[in-house]
Amino acid sequence: MRDLVKHAEEKIKQQHEATDEIALINQARVLDSYAKHQVADFHFTPSTGYGYDDAGRDTLERIYADVFGGEAALVRNQIVSGTHAIAVALFGVLRPGDELLYITGTPYDTLEEIVGIRGNKKGSLQDFQITYQKVDLHEGSFNKEAIKQAIGPNTKMIGIQRSKGYGDRPSFFIAEIKDIIAYVKSIKSDVVVFVDNCYGEFVETAEPCHVGADLIAGSLIKNPGGGIAKTGGYLVGREDLIELASYRLAAPGIGAEGGASLYTLLDMYQGFFLAPHVVAQSVKGAYYTASLLEEVGMKTEPASTDKRTDLIQAVHFQSAEQMVAFCQAIQHASPINAHVTPTPSYMPGYADDVIMAAGTFVQGASIELTADGPLRPPYAAYVQGGLTYEHIKLAVTKAVEKTFINDSKREAE
């Protein structure tokens, strides 16, 4: 096992060095923004009740807009997840008769009930007479000809899911997003381009708003929370779109002016400051995960030497049993609930039973090391996050040893 680990790390040495360089650039951008906006300890003071005149909250939103390349932002503890942040964006901007066109194929499972293609459709976009259609990818890339044909007079918003999520397709790099934004704007200049930025923040040196996206959204218990934020989500983009989203999050006439921060600001500030480093730890761990699993003959996506634009590392297994065993081994190497053995079960928003290893300090935090996936062919677990490279290395090594090395020894016996 020691030789496998050594060879796996040697193979990805250059990738680790490149990741550290990206982290330094992103850390400088965050640090410069904190200095620019004169962050001080009084910005951590909690607000209560209506939350009016919350200087800490408002300054943090200016920092998010600054760092992520937008005109304005909403960064709120009242946003309960990345899915909620996306719903705020969609329902905030779209109106009856408008069309949402996703150009990255079927969106992440939890969005299917939002748009109204699964479930009882109550409260979905379809329930509000907002139509939805998608354009499937062609050989893992944007299908420009099909996109051109799909864009019509009612197409108000183009949806792009940056990360593969639970999909069997590549994640999209900022350069690719830049190219497709320019393309759709050449077809319909006033279309709103929305990017689901979950799992992608700080993995590259630019974000979607830097290359023309009108609106992005994500979760604070993923990348930008740095493993510190305990709840919350964000939206960044054009000022007029953020205003519309704020009316959906709160109410018309209140918008971004209301919403008590309570005791969340210190976590959000500190987490965002740590995020470039923590994300780099996760990315380095993803390289290691791919490299070590390739050593035992597994197919990984991306491959160990491929560049990254998100945290997601997909690993393909030969059977549901093998996939479950690997995820259980990750759970047993977690700091929290290591004694628990997860089993496949129903999860809200998903069509299939999901196996989820998540021994995390913050419930469901995908910036912490997790391994999960729906039990459906092809059997793929999605390994993501990790607050420290050392933990990822230890956990993945133990999981590989238990799932592949020890099982092989038992079969030989």
Protein backbone atom coordinates (compact mmCIF):
# COMPACT_ATOMS: atom_id res chain seq x y z
CA MET A 1 0.00 0.00 0.00
CA ARG A 2 2.85 2.36 0.82
CA ASP A 3 4.27 2.01 -2.71
CA LEU A 4 0.84 2.72 -4.21
CA VAL A 5 0.51 5.91 -2.16
CA LYS A 6 4.02 7.06 -3.04
CA HIS A 7 3.50 6.52 -6.76
CA ALA A 8 0.08 8.19 -6.65
CA GLU A 9 1.53 11.36 -5.09
CA GLU A 10 4.53 11.46 -7.40
CA LYS A 11 2.21 11.37 -10.41
CA ILE A 12 0.32 14.51 -9.31
CA LYS A 13 3.16 16.65 -8.01
CA GLN A 14 2.82 19.24 -10.79
CA GLN A 15 -0.96 19.41 -10.30
CA HIS A 16 -0.47 20.14 -6.60
CA GLU A 17 2.01 22.92 -7.35
CA ALA A 18 -0.38 24.51 -9.87
CA THR A 19 -3.20 24.35 -7.31
CA ASP A 20 -1.08 26.20 -4.77
CA GLU A 21 -0.41 28.95 -7.32
CA ILE A 22 -4.14 29.36 -7.97
CA ALA A 23 -4.79 29.55 -4.22
CA LEU A 24 -2.22 32.34 -3.86
CA ILE A 25 -3.86 34.42 -6.59
CA ASN A 26 -7.33 33.95 -5.11
CA GLN A 27 -6.12 34.64 -1.58
CA ALA A 28 -4.60 37.92 -2.76
CA ARG A 29 -7.90 38.96 -4.33
CA VAL A 30 -9.82 38.23 -1.12
CA LEU A 31 -7.21 39.95 1.06
CA ASP A 32 -7.19 43.05 -1.14
CA SER A 33 -10.98 43.26 -0.97
CA TYR A 34 -11.01 43.03 2.84
CA ALA A 35 -8.53 45.90 2.98
CA LYS A 36 -10.42 47.90 0.36
CA HIS A 37 -13.67 47.68 2.35
CA GLN A 38 -11.89 48.35 5.66
CA VAL A 39 -13.17 45.27 7.46
CA ALA A 40 -12.98 45.77 11.23
CA ASP A 41 -14.10 43.82 14.27
CA PHE A 42 -17.30 45.87 14.56
CA HIS A 43 -18.43 44.26 11.29
CA PHE A 44 -18.97 41.03 13.25
CA THR A 45 -21.59 42.64 15.51
CA PRO A 46 -24.88 40.73 15.22
CA SER A 47 -28.14 42.35 14.24
CA THR A 48 -31.54 41.16 15.45
CA GLY A 49 -35.18 41.62 14.55
CA TYR A 50 -35.61 43.30 11.20
CA GLY A 51 -31.86 43.56 10.69
CA TYR A 52 -31.94 47.10 9.34
CA ASP A 53 -28.66 49.02 8.92
CA ASP A 54 -26.50 45.91 9.38
CA ALA A 55 -23.08 47.26 8.40
CA GLY A 56 -21.35 43.90 8.68
CA ARG A 57 -23.84 42.14 6.42
CA ASP A 58 -23.83 44.93 3.83
CA THR A 59 -20.02 45.13 3.76
CA LEU A 60 -19.71 41.37 3.35
CA GLU A 61 -22.05 41.55 0.37
CA ARG A 62 -19.91 44.25 -1.21
CA ILE A 63 -16.87 42.00 -0.73
CA TYR A 64 -18.59 39.03 -2.40
CA ALA A 65 -19.58 41.23 -5.34
CA ASP A 66 -16.04 42.59 -5.55
CA VAL A 67 -14.28 39.21 -5.38
CA PHE A 68 -16.72 37.36 -7.64
CA GLY A 69 -16.96 40.11 -10.27
CA GLY A 70 -20.55 41.33 -9.83
CA GLU A 71 -22.24 44.66 -9.25
CA ALA A 72 -24.08 43.52 -6.12
CA ALA A 73 -24.62 40.48 -3.92
CA LEU A 74 -26.89 38.80 -1.42
CA VAL A 75 -25.05 36.81 1.27
CA ARG A 76 -27.57 35.61 3.79
CA ASN A 77 -27.89 33.07 6.58
CA GLN A 78 -31.60 32.90 5.65
CA ILE A 79 -30.64 31.01 2.47
CA VAL A 80 -30.70 27.39 3.59
CA SER A 81 -28.82 25.69 0.73
CA GLY A 82 -27.40 26.05 -2.75
CA THR A 83 -30.69 24.76 -4.14
CA HIS A 84 -32.52 27.51 -2.22
CA ALA A 85 -30.11 30.15 -3.57
CA ILE A 86 -30.78 28.95 -7.12
CA ALA A 87 -34.55 28.99 -6.51
CA VAL A 88 -34.29 32.57 -5.26
CA ALA A 89 -32.48 33.51 -8.47
CA LEU A 90 -34.94 31.75 -10.78
CA PHE A 91 -38.15 32.84 -9.09
CA GLY A 92 -36.77 36.34 -8.55
CA VAL A 93 -36.07 37.00 -12.22
CA LEU A 94 -38.56 34.88 -14.18
CA ARG A 95 -42.21 35.78 -14.72
CA PRO A 96 -45.26 33.95 -16.11
CA GLY A 97 -44.78 33.34 -19.82
CA ASP A 98 -40.97 33.41 -19.58
CA GLU A 99 -38.85 30.43 -20.51
CA LEU A 100 -35.84 28.99 -18.69
CA LEU A 101 -33.45 27.18 -21.03
CA TYR A 102 -30.77 24.99 -19.46
CA ILE A 103 -27.95 24.39 -21.93
CA THR A 104 -26.01 21.87 -19.84
CA GLY A 105 -28.59 19.10 -20.10
CA THR A 106 -30.79 17.97 -17.23
CA PRO A 107 -29.92 19.97 -14.11
CA TYR A 108 -28.92 18.61 -10.72
CA ASP A 109 -31.51 16.31 -9.14
CA THR A 110 -32.70 18.81 -6.53
CA LEU A 111 -33.63 21.34 -9.27
CA GLU A 112 -36.01 18.99 -11.06
CA GLU A 113 -38.83 19.73 -8.63
CA ILE A 114 -38.08 23.47 -8.79
CA VAL A 115 -38.55 23.62 -12.55
CA GLY A 116 -41.45 21.15 -12.39
CA ILE A 117 -40.22 18.08 -14.28
CA ARG A 118 -40.57 15.77 -11.28
CA GLY A 119 -42.79 15.61 -8.22
CA ASN A 120 -46.24 17.15 -7.77
CA LYS A 121 -45.21 20.47 -9.39
CA LYS A 122 -46.78 22.52 -6.57
CA GLY A 123 -44.84 25.76 -6.19
CA SER A 124 -42.59 24.94 -9.16
CA LEU A 125 -41.80 27.23 -12.08
CA GLN A 126 -44.34 25.28 -14.10
CA ASP A 127 -46.96 26.04 -11.46
CA PHE A 128 -46.32 29.73 -12.20
CA GLN A 129 -46.61 29.22 -15.97
CA ILE A 130 -42.88 29.59 -16.46
CA THR A 131 -41.75 27.10 -19.07
CA TYR A 132 -38.57 25.07 -19.05
CA GLN A 133 -36.59 23.20 -21.65
CA LYS A 134 -33.07 21.85 -21.90
CA VAL A 135 -30.45 21.28 -24.53
CA ASP A 136 -28.40 18.14 -24.04
CA LEU A 137 -24.66 18.26 -24.41
CA HIS A 138 -22.99 16.85 -27.49
CA GLU A 139 -20.01 14.63 -26.65
CA GLY A 140 -19.52 16.50 -23.38
CA SER A 141 -19.58 19.98 -24.94
CA PHE A 142 -22.15 22.72 -25.50
CA ASN A 143 -24.30 21.93 -28.52
CA LYS A 144 -24.24 25.34 -30.16
CA GLU A 145 -26.47 24.51 -33.11
CA ALA A 146 -29.16 23.01 -30.85
CA ILE A 147 -28.88 25.98 -28.48
CA LYS A 148 -29.38 28.40 -31.37
CA GLN A 149 -32.50 26.53 -32.46
CA ALA A 150 -33.87 26.35 -28.90
CA ILE A 151 -33.58 30.05 -28.07
CA GLY A 152 -36.92 31.69 -28.80
CA PRO A 153 -38.78 34.94 -28.16
CA ASN A 154 -39.83 33.83 -24.66
CA THR A 155 -36.39 32.62 -23.59
CA LYS A 156 -35.70 34.94 -20.66
CA MET A 157 -32.92 33.03 -18.93
CA ILE A 158 -30.14 30.66 -19.96
CA GLY A 159 -29.14 28.23 -17.20
CA ILE A 160 -25.63 26.79 -16.93
CA GLN A 161 -24.63 24.23 -14.32
CA ARG A 162 -20.89 24.63 -13.95
CA SER A 163 -20.28 21.41 -12.03
CA LYS A 164 -21.24 17.95 -13.22
CA GLY A 165 -23.05 17.35 -9.92
CA TYR A 166 -24.34 13.78 -10.15
CA GLY A 167 -24.15 13.84 -13.94
CA ASP A 168 -22.04 11.66 -16.18
CA ARG A 169 -20.46 14.56 -18.05
CA PRO A 170 -17.55 16.99 -17.68
CA SER A 171 -17.70 20.12 -15.54
CA PHE A 172 -17.26 23.39 -17.42
CA PHE A 173 -14.22 25.62 -17.20
CA ILE A 174 -14.45 29.40 -17.00
CA ALA A 175 -13.01 29.72 -20.52
CA GLU A 176 -15.77 27.46 -21.86
CA ILE A 177 -18.43 29.44 -19.98
CA LYS A 178 -17.01 32.69 -21.39
CA ASP A 179 -17.25 31.34 -24.92
CA ILE A 180 -20.83 30.09 -24.60
CA ILE A 181 -22.01 33.31 -22.92
CA ALA A 182 -20.68 35.32 -25.85
CA TYR A 183 -22.41 32.91 -28.22
CA VAL A 184 -25.88 33.06 -26.62
CA LYS A 185 -25.63 36.85 -26.23
CA SER A 186 -24.90 37.09 -29.98
CA ILE A 187 -28.18 35.28 -30.59
CA LYS A 188 -30.27 37.16 -28.02
CA SER A 189 -28.49 40.08 -26.40
CA ASP A 190 -30.99 40.63 -23.58
CA VAL A 191 -31.09 37.04 -22.34
CA VAL A 192 -30.11 36.63 -18.68
CA VAL A 193 -27.29 34.12 -18.23
CA PHE A 194 -27.46 32.36 -14.87
CA VAL A 195 -24.69 30.06 -13.62
CA ASP A 196 -25.07 27.54 -10.83
CA ASN A 197 -21.61 28.06 -9.33
CA CYS A 198 -21.80 25.37 -6.63
CA TYR A 199 -18.52 23.48 -6.06
CA GLY A 200 -16.61 25.82 -8.40
CA GLU A 201 -15.69 28.88 -6.35
CA PHE A 202 -11.93 29.55 -6.09
CA VAL A 203 -10.96 26.44 -8.08
CA GLU A 204 -9.85 28.69 -10.94
CA THR A 205 -8.60 32.28 -10.79
CA ALA A 206 -11.82 33.75 -12.22
CA GLU A 207 -15.55 33.29 -11.61
CA PRO A 208 -18.45 33.29 -14.12
CA CYS A 209 -19.36 36.96 -13.55
CA HIS A 210 -15.82 37.89 -14.59
CA VAL A 211 -16.58 36.49 -18.05
CA GLY A 212 -20.08 37.83 -18.64
CA ALA A 213 -22.52 35.84 -16.48
CA ASP A 214 -25.39 38.04 -15.30
CA LEU A 215 -26.15 36.10 -12.12
CA ILE A 216 -24.52 33.30 -10.11
CA ALA A 217 -25.49 31.46 -6.95
CA GLY A 218 -23.99 29.05 -4.45
CA SER A 219 -23.92 27.70 -0.91
CA LEU A 220 -21.86 28.81 2.07
CA ILE A 221 -21.48 25.24 3.32
CA LYS A 222 -19.60 24.57 0.11
CA ASN A 223 -16.50 26.40 -1.16
CA PRO A 224 -16.98 30.04 -0.10
CA GLY A 225 -17.79 29.20 3.53
CA GLY A 226 -14.30 27.82 4.01
CA GLY A 227 -15.54 25.13 6.37
CA ILE A 228 -16.40 27.80 8.95
CA ALA A 229 -19.83 29.09 7.88
CA LYS A 230 -22.56 26.95 9.42
CA THR A 231 -25.37 27.92 7.05
CA GLY A 232 -26.24 30.35 4.28
CA GLY A 233 -26.01 31.00 0.57
CA TYR A 234 -25.11 33.77 -1.85
CA LEU A 235 -26.08 35.38 -5.13
CA VAL A 236 -23.81 37.71 -7.10
CA GLY A 237 -24.53 39.57 -10.32
CA ARG A 238 -26.11 42.58 -11.96
CA GLU A 239 -27.57 45.04 -9.48
CA ASP A 240 -31.07 44.94 -10.98
CA LEU A 241 -31.17 41.14 -10.85
CA ILE A 242 -29.93 41.04 -7.25
CA GLU A 243 -32.69 43.49 -6.35
CA LEU A 244 -35.31 41.21 -7.93
CA ALA A 245 -33.86 38.21 -6.10
CA SER A 246 -33.94 40.10 -2.80
CA TYR A 247 -37.68 40.68 -3.26
CA ARG A 248 -38.13 36.94 -3.65
CA LEU A 249 -35.95 36.15 -0.63
CA ALA A 250 -37.70 38.70 1.61
CA ALA A 251 -40.61 40.72 0.18
CA PRO A 252 -41.15 43.61 -2.25
CA GLY A 253 -40.40 46.83 -0.42
CA ILE A 254 -38.08 45.07 2.02
CA GLY A 255 -35.61 43.31 -0.25
CA ALA A 256 -31.99 43.42 0.87
CA GLU A 257 -32.72 45.95 3.64
CA GLY A 258 -34.12 43.31 5.99
CA GLY A 259 -32.74 40.12 7.46
CA ALA A 260 -30.98 39.85 10.80
CA SER A 261 -27.46 38.40 10.68
CA LEU A 262 -27.65 37.20 14.30
CA TYR A 263 -24.31 35.52 15.15
CA THR A 264 -23.32 34.40 11.64
CA LEU A 265 -21.11 37.26 10.45
CA LEU A 266 -17.82 36.24 12.07
CA ASP A 267 -18.15 32.75 10.58
CA MET A 268 -18.97 34.14 7.15
CA TYR A 269 -16.08 36.63 7.13
CA GLN A 270 -13.53 34.17 8.47
CA GLY A 271 -14.78 31.38 6.22
CA PHE A 272 -14.58 33.51 3.08
CA PHE A 273 -11.06 34.57 4.01
CA LEU A 274 -10.01 30.93 4.46
CA ALA A 275 -11.87 29.69 1.40
CA PRO A 276 -9.06 29.97 -1.21
CA HIS A 277 -6.77 27.84 0.97
CA VAL A 278 -9.42 25.31 2.00
CA VAL A 279 -10.62 24.91 -1.58
CA ALA A 280 -7.02 24.26 -2.65
CA GLN A 281 -6.76 21.55 0.01
CA SER A 282 -9.91 19.95 -1.39
CA VAL A 283 -8.67 20.16 -4.98
CA LYS A 284 -5.32 18.62 -4.05
CA GLY A 285 -7.25 15.87 -2.30
CA ALA A 286 -9.34 15.29 -5.43
CA TYR A 287 -6.16 14.84 -7.46
CA TYR A 288 -4.93 12.33 -4.89
CA THR A 289 -8.25 10.47 -4.84
CA ALA A 290 -8.17 10.04 -8.60
CA SER A 291 -4.52 9.07 -8.66
CA LEU A 292 -4.73 6.42 -5.94
CA LEU A 293 -7.91 4.87 -7.34
CA GLU A 294 -6.32 4.71 -10.77
CA GLU A 295 -3.50 2.75 -9.15
CA VAL A 296 -6.02 0.00 -8.31
CA GLY A 297 -7.58 0.04 -11.76
CA MET A 298 -10.62 2.27 -11.24
CA LYS A 299 -12.01 4.74 -13.78
CA THR A 300 -12.05 8.31 -12.46
CA GLU A 301 -13.48 11.54 -13.85
CA PRO A 302 -11.61 13.82 -14.09
CA ALA A 303 -8.48 11.71 -14.44
CA SER A 304 -5.66 12.38 -12.01
CA THR A 305 -3.69 14.56 -14.43
CA ASP A 306 -6.65 16.55 -15.78
CA LYS A 307 -7.17 20.19 -14.82
CA ARG A 308 -10.03 21.02 -12.46
CA THR A 309 -12.82 23.57 -12.33
CA ASP A 310 -14.72 22.17 -9.34
CA LEU A 311 -14.30 19.91 -6.31
CA ILE A 312 -16.17 16.93 -7.69
CA GLN A 313 -14.25 13.70 -8.19
CA ALA A 314 -16.31 10.93 -9.73
CA VAL A 315 -15.24 7.32 -9.24
CA HIS A 316 -16.90 4.52 -11.22
CA PHE A 317 -17.46 1.22 -9.47
CA GLN A 318 -18.21 -2.21 -10.81
CA SER A 319 -21.28 -2.71 -8.62
CA ALA A 320 -23.60 -0.99 -6.18
CA GLU A 321 -22.09 -3.10 -3.38
CA GLN A 322 -18.57 -1.91 -4.13
CA MET A 323 -19.73 1.71 -4.27
CA VAL A 324 -21.53 1.42 -0.93
CA ALA A 325 -18.52 -0.24 0.71
CA PHE A 326 -16.19 2.55 -0.42
CA CYS A 327 -18.51 5.29 0.89
CA GLN A 328 -18.90 3.47 4.19
CA ALA A 329 -15.12 3.32 4.53
CA ILE A 330 -14.90 7.09 4.01
CA GLN A 331 -17.48 7.56 6.77
CA HIS A 332 -15.44 5.37 9.10
CA ALA A 333 -12.43 7.64 8.49
CA SER A 334 -14.34 10.82 9.35
CA PRO A 335 -13.86 13.02 12.43
CA ILE A 336 -17.59 12.99 13.19
CA ASN A 337 -19.79 9.88 13.40
CA ALA A 338 -16.98 7.55 12.38
CA HIS A 339 -18.82 4.80 14.24
CA VAL A 340 -21.88 5.14 11.98
CA THR A 341 -22.35 2.93 8.91
CA PRO A 342 -24.41 4.76 6.26
CA THR A 343 -26.82 2.79 4.10
CA PRO A 344 -28.61 3.78 0.87
CA SER A 345 -31.85 5.60 1.61
CA TYR A 346 -34.31 8.19 0.34
CA MET A 347 -33.24 11.83 0.46
CA PRO A 348 -35.54 14.81 -0.25
CA GLY A 349 -35.11 16.11 -3.79
CA TYR A 350 -33.58 12.94 -5.23
CA ALA A 351 -35.25 10.38 -7.48
CA ASP A 352 -33.11 7.42 -6.36
CA ASP A 353 -31.86 6.16 -3.01
CA VAL A 354 -28.57 7.85 -2.09
CA ILE A 355 -25.57 6.51 -0.20
CA MET A 356 -23.95 9.37 1.66
CA ALA A 357 -20.80 9.38 3.75
CA ALA A 358 -20.73 12.72 5.51
CA GLY A 359 -18.92 12.73 8.81
CA THR A 360 -18.89 16.51 8.85
CA PHE A 361 -18.82 19.19 11.55
CA VAL A 362 -21.52 21.10 9.65
CA GLN A 363 -24.45 18.96 8.52
CA GLY A 364 -24.28 18.37 4.77
CA ALA A 365 -21.20 20.55 4.28
CA SER A 366 -19.73 19.63 0.89
CA ILE A 367 -16.53 21.56 1.56
CA GLU A 368 -15.82 18.89 4.17
CA LEU A 369 -14.90 15.42 2.96
CA THR A 370 -17.93 13.52 1.73
CA ALA A 371 -18.55 10.62 -0.63
CA ASP A 372 -22.00 10.03 -2.00
CA GLY A 373 -24.13 9.28 -5.00
CA PRO A 374 -27.47 7.88 -6.15
CA LEU A 375 -27.65 4.11 -6.51
CA ARG A 376 -28.26 3.89 -10.23
CA PRO A 377 -26.13 2.65 -13.14
CA PRO A 378 -23.45 3.56 -13.93
CA TYR A 379 -22.48 3.24 -10.28
CA ALA A 380 -20.47 6.34 -9.47
CA ALA A 381 -19.60 7.87 -6.13
CA TYR A 382 -18.79 11.55 -5.98
CA VAL A 383 -15.96 12.31 -3.60
CA GLN A 384 -15.63 15.99 -2.74
CA GLY A 385 -14.29 18.43 -0.22
CA GLY A 386 -11.92 18.03 2.67
CA LEU A 387 -10.73 20.73 5.06
CA THR A 388 -7.15 19.45 5.02
CA TYR A 389 -5.20 17.46 2.48
CA GLU A 390 -3.91 15.25 5.28
CA HIS A 391 -7.41 14.11 6.20
CA ILE A 392 -8.35 13.41 2.59
CA LYS A 393 -5.18 11.38 2.10
CA LEU A 394 -5.74 9.32 5.23
CA ALA A 395 -9.43 8.70 4.56
CA VAL A 396 -9.11 7.82 0.87
CA THR A 397 -6.09 5.60 1.53
CA LYS A 398 -8.01 3.68 4.19
CA ALA A 399 -11.05 3.40 1.93
CA VAL A 400 -9.01 2.04 -0.97
CA GLU A 401 -7.18 -0.37 1.32
CA LYS A 402 -10.41 -1.68 2.83
CA THR A 403 -12.47 -1.79 -0.36
CA PHE A 404 -9.89 -3.10 -2.82
CA ILE A 405 -6.73 -4.38 -1.13
CA ASN A 406 -8.29 -6.24 1.80
CA ASP A 407 -11.17 -7.57 -0.31
CA SER A 408 -8.69 -8.89 -2.87
CA LYS A 409 -6.74 -10.64 -0.12
CA ARG A 410 -9.91 -12.26 1.22
CA GLU A 411 -10.89 -13.45 -2.26
CA ALA A 412 -7.40 -14.94 -2.76
CA GLU A 413 -7.69 -16.79 0.52
